[in-house]
C-alpha atoms as a PDB file:
ATOM      1  CA  MET A   1      -0.001  -0.004  -0.052  1.00  0.00           C
ATOM      2  CA  ASN A   2       2.896   2.375   0.860  1.00  0.00           C
ATOM      3  CA  ARG A   3       4.446   1.696  -2.499  1.00  0.00           C
ATOM      4  CA  ILE A   4       1.207   2.740  -4.344  1.00  0.00           C
ATOM      5  CA  ILE A   5       0.981   5.985  -2.384  1.00  0.00           C
ATOM      6  CA  PHE A   6       4.651   6.708  -3.109  1.00  0.00           C
ATOM      7  CA  LEU A   7       4.196   6.128  -6.816  1.00  0.00           C
ATOM      8  CA  PHE A   8       1.093   8.288  -6.885  1.00  0.00           C
ATOM      9  CA  ALA A   9       2.965  11.132  -5.074  1.00  0.00           C
ATOM     10  CA  VAL A  10       5.934  10.927  -7.436  1.00  0.00           C
ATOM     11  CA  GLY A  11       3.558  11.014 -10.494  1.00  0.00           C
ATOM     12  CA  VAL A  12       1.750  14.111  -9.148  1.00  0.00           C
ATOM     13  CA  CYS A  13       5.087  15.910  -8.532  1.00  0.00           C
ATOM     14  CA  PHE A  14       6.292  14.971 -12.020  1.00  0.00           C
ATOM     15  CA  ALA A  15       3.088  16.230 -13.733  1.00  0.00           C
ATOM     16  CA  ALA A  16       3.092  19.477 -11.693  1.00  0.00           C
ATOM     17  CA  GLY A  17       6.679  20.141 -12.658  1.00  0.00           C
ATOM     18  CA  GLN A  18       6.159  19.957 -16.383  1.00  0.00           C
ATOM     19  CA  ALA A  19       5.904  23.371 -18.029  1.00  0.00           C
ATOM     20  CA  LEU A  20       3.412  24.322 -20.769  1.00  0.00           C
ATOM     21  CA  GLU A  21       4.651  24.336 -24.309  1.00  0.00           C
ATOM     22  CA  CYS A  22       3.282  27.024 -26.679  1.00  0.00           C
ATOM     23  CA  TYR A  23       3.774  28.484 -30.134  1.00  0.00           C
ATOM     24  CA  LYS A  24       5.587  31.805 -30.182  1.00  0.00           C
ATOM     25  CA  CYS A  25       5.269  34.607 -32.717  1.00  0.00           C
ATOM     26  CA  ASP A  26       6.625  38.014 -31.771  1.00  0.00           C
ATOM     27  CA  ILE A  27       4.553  39.832 -34.410  1.00  0.00           C
ATOM     28  CA  GLY A  28       2.566  38.688 -37.417  1.00  0.00           C
ATOM     29  CA  ILE A  29       0.614  40.504 -40.129  1.00  0.00           C
ATOM     30  CA  TRP A  30      -2.694  39.157 -41.436  1.00  0.00           C
ATOM     31  CA  ASP A  31      -2.316  35.324 -41.244  1.00  0.00           C
ATOM     32  CA  LEU A  32       1.462  35.326 -41.643  1.00  0.00           C
ATOM     33  CA  CYS A  33       3.251  34.671 -38.432  1.00  0.00           C
ATOM     34  CA  TYR A  34       6.702  33.102 -38.115  1.00  0.00           C
ATOM     35  CA  THR A  35       6.187  30.662 -35.244  1.00  0.00           C
ATOM     36  CA  THR A  36       8.556  28.680 -33.099  1.00  0.00           C
ATOM     37  CA  LYS A  37       7.926  26.637 -29.927  1.00  0.00           C
ATOM     38  CA  THR A  38       8.643  27.929 -26.517  1.00  0.00           C
ATOM     39  CA  THR A  39       8.258  26.750 -22.908  1.00  0.00           C
ATOM     40  CA  CYS A  40       6.320  28.859 -20.470  1.00  0.00           C
ATOM     41  CA  SER A  41       7.393  29.714 -16.986  1.00  0.00           C
ATOM     42  CA  MET A  42       5.334  28.871 -13.936  1.00  0.00           C
ATOM     43  CA  GLY A  43       2.221  31.066 -13.667  1.00  0.00           C
ATOM     44  CA  GLN A  44       1.972  31.491 -17.477  1.00  0.00           C
ATOM     45  CA  GLN A  45      -0.364  30.146 -20.156  1.00  0.00           C
ATOM     46  CA  CYS A  46      -0.316  30.065 -23.940  1.00  0.00           C
ATOM     47  CA  PHE A  47      -1.948  33.020 -25.617  1.00  0.00           C
ATOM     48  CA  SER A  48      -3.011  34.283 -29.065  1.00  0.00           C
ATOM     49  CA  GLY A  49      -3.202  38.002 -29.523  1.00  0.00           C
ATOM     50  CA  VAL A  50      -5.247  39.761 -32.247  1.00  0.00           C
ATOM     51  CA  GLY A  51      -5.213  43.425 -33.036  1.00  0.00           C
ATOM     52  CA  LYS A  52      -5.599  45.922 -35.820  1.00  0.00           C
ATOM     53  CA  ALA A  53      -2.957  48.521 -36.728  1.00  0.00           C
ATOM     54  CA  GLY A  54      -3.648  51.600 -38.882  1.00  0.00           C
ATOM     55  CA  GLY A  55      -7.303  50.675 -38.888  1.00  0.00           C
ATOM     56  CA  PHE A  56      -6.903  47.901 -41.444  1.00  0.00           C
ATOM     57  CA  VAL A  57      -3.810  45.758 -40.884  1.00  0.00           C
ATOM     58  CA  ASP A  58      -4.443  42.649 -38.762  1.00  0.00           C
ATOM     59  CA  VAL A  59      -1.653  42.121 -36.289  1.00  0.00           C
ATOM     60  CA  LYS A  60      -1.130  38.838 -34.452  1.00  0.00           C
ATOM     61  CA  MET A  61       1.075  37.593 -31.577  1.00  0.00           C
ATOM     62  CA  LYS A  62       1.491  34.265 -29.813  1.00  0.00           C
ATOM     63  CA  GLY A  63       3.488  33.071 -26.858  1.00  0.00           C
ATOM     64  CA  CYS A  64       3.443  32.733 -23.040  1.00  0.00           C
ATOM     65  CA  LEU A  65       1.633  35.222 -20.874  1.00  0.00           C
ATOM     66  CA  ASP A  66       1.174  35.693 -17.099  1.00  0.00           C
ATOM     67  CA  VAL A  67      -2.251  34.409 -16.066  1.00  0.00           C
ATOM     68  CA  ASP A  68      -3.299  37.788 -14.636  1.00  0.00           C
ATOM     69  CA  LYS A  69      -2.893  39.416 -18.102  1.00  0.00           C
ATOM     70  CA  CYS A  70      -4.945  36.762 -19.927  1.00  0.00           C
ATOM     71  CA  ASN A  71      -8.169  37.553 -21.733  1.00  0.00           C
ATOM     72  CA  LYS A  72      -7.683  41.308 -21.734  1.00  0.00           C
ATOM     73  CA  THR A  73      -7.421  43.993 -24.325  1.00  0.00           C
ATOM     74  CA  GLU A  74      -4.511  46.488 -24.027  1.00  0.00           C
ATOM     75  CA  ASN A  75      -3.223  49.449 -25.997  1.00  0.00           C
ATOM     76  CA  VAL A  76       0.131  49.022 -27.630  1.00  0.00           C
ATOM     77  CA  GLU A  77       2.296  51.992 -28.638  1.00  0.00           C
ATOM     78  CA  PHE A  78       5.594  52.241 -30.450  1.00  0.00           C
ATOM     79  CA  PRO A  79       7.359  55.284 -31.937  1.00  0.00           C
ATOM     80  CA  ASN A  80       7.808  55.477 -35.649  1.00  0.00           C
ATOM     81  CA  SER A  81      10.304  57.505 -37.704  1.00  0.00           C
ATOM     82  CA  ASN A  82       8.259  60.782 -37.397  1.00  0.00           C
ATOM     83  CA  SER A  83       8.388  60.667 -33.596  1.00  0.00           C
ATOM     84  CA  ASN A  84       4.668  59.970 -33.612  1.00  0.00           C
ATOM     85  CA  LYS A  85       3.186  56.986 -31.797  1.00  0.00           C
ATOM     86  CA  THR A  86       1.220  54.318 -33.600  1.00  0.00           C
ATOM     87  CA  LEU A  87      -1.480  52.900 -31.390  1.00  0.00           C
ATOM     88  CA  TYR A  88      -3.358  49.669 -31.752  1.00  0.00           C
ATOM     89  CA  LYS A  89      -5.403  47.451 -29.479  1.00  0.00           C
ATOM     90  CA  MET A  90      -4.311  43.894 -28.847  1.00  0.00           C
ATOM     91  CA  THR A  91      -6.659  41.305 -27.316  1.00  0.00           C
ATOM     92  CA  LYS A  92      -4.824  38.395 -25.740  1.00  0.00           C
ATOM     93  CA  THR A  93      -6.748  35.164 -25.231  1.00  0.00           C
ATOM     94  CA  CYS A  94      -5.220  32.393 -23.208  1.00  0.00           C
ATOM     95  CA  CYS A  95      -5.492  28.588 -23.145  1.00  0.00           C
ATOM     96  CA  ASN A  96      -3.828  26.058 -20.916  1.00  0.00           C
ATOM     97  CA  THR A  97      -2.831  22.944 -22.876  1.00  0.00           C
ATOM     98  CA  ASP A  98       0.306  22.222 -24.867  1.00  0.00           C
ATOM     99  CA  LEU A  99       0.398  24.027 -28.257  1.00  0.00           C
ATOM    100  CA  CYS A 100      -3.222  25.154 -27.840  1.00  0.00           C
ATOM    101  CA  ASN A 101      -2.457  28.577 -29.448  1.00  0.00           C
ATOM    102  CA  ALA A 102      -1.789  27.110 -32.929  1.00  0.00           C
ATOM    103  CA  ALA A 103      -4.504  29.001 -34.939  1.00  0.00           C
ATOM    104  CA  PRO A 104      -4.596  31.518 -36.514  1.00  0.00           C
ATOM    105  CA  GLY A 105      -1.321  31.725 -38.346  1.00  0.00           C
ATOM    106  CA  LEU A 106       0.911  29.400 -40.145  1.00  0.00           C
ATOM    107  CA  PRO A 107       3.609  27.582 -38.152  1.00  0.00           C
ATOM    108  CA  GLY A 108       6.959  27.904 -39.874  1.00  0.00           C
ATOM    109  CA  THR A 109       5.869  30.613 -42.360  1.00  0.00           C
ATOM    110  CA  SER A 110       8.917  31.648 -44.281  1.00  0.00           C
ATOM    111  CA  VAL A 111      10.817  34.633 -42.845  1.00  0.00           C
ATOM    112  CA  LEU A 112      11.031  36.170 -46.393  1.00  0.00           C
ATOM    113  CA  SER A 113       7.270  36.039 -46.822  1.00  0.00           C
ATOM    114  CA  LEU A 114       6.738  37.651 -43.436  1.00  0.00           C
ATOM    115  CA  ALA A 115       9.337  40.332 -44.215  1.00  0.00           C
ATOM    116  CA  PHE A 116       7.746  41.098 -47.611  1.00  0.00           C
ATOM    117  CA  PHE A 117       4.282  41.519 -46.127  1.00  0.00           C
ATOM    118  CA  GLY A 118       5.598  43.481 -43.181  1.00  0.00           C
ATOM    119  CA  ILE A 119       7.410  45.934 -45.432  1.00  0.00           C
ATOM    120  CA  SER A 120       4.364  46.182 -47.692  1.00  0.00           C
ATOM    121  CA  ALA A 121       2.164  46.983 -44.719  1.00  0.00           C
ATOM    122  CA  LEU A 122       4.523  49.659 -43.481  1.00  0.00           C
ATOM    123  CA  ILE A 123       4.681  51.311 -46.921  1.00  0.00           C
ATOM    124  CA  ALA A 124       0.867  51.147 -47.217  1.00  0.00           C
ATOM    125  CA  THR A 125       0.481  52.688 -43.764  1.00  0.00           C
ATOM    126  CA  ASN A 126       2.884  55.564 -44.570  1.00  0.00           C
ATOM    127  CA  VAL A 127       1.115  56.280 -47.867  1.00  0.00           C
ATOM    128  CA  LEU A 128      -2.357  56.301 -46.329  1.00  0.00           C
ATOM    129  CA  VAL A 129      -1.442  58.387 -43.256  1.00  0.00           C
END
């Protein structure tokens, strides 16, 4: 009986010690997102972020996020070359199983394709603004 309890306790400790594995994409445009796999820290879950920049460009992110920041919308600012700030809203939705943040986006999308669409979006934004 003691052996069964010991094996159960070891199994619980092993399961609790395993970290969550998620897809990671620092920034993606439309459905193009160069993804890799990453391991979350304790207190984090996988997330998929969706936003809109310039009023028409879909922006996406994936990765690990602290649980207290999950399922919230936040404003994101970054300076551009004219010292203005571009503002967009990003909604980050979390999930808590391995690789649960797979869609939307294409895992392993080529870096060249992502760069091409990123540059195109920046040019289009500058022309329209």
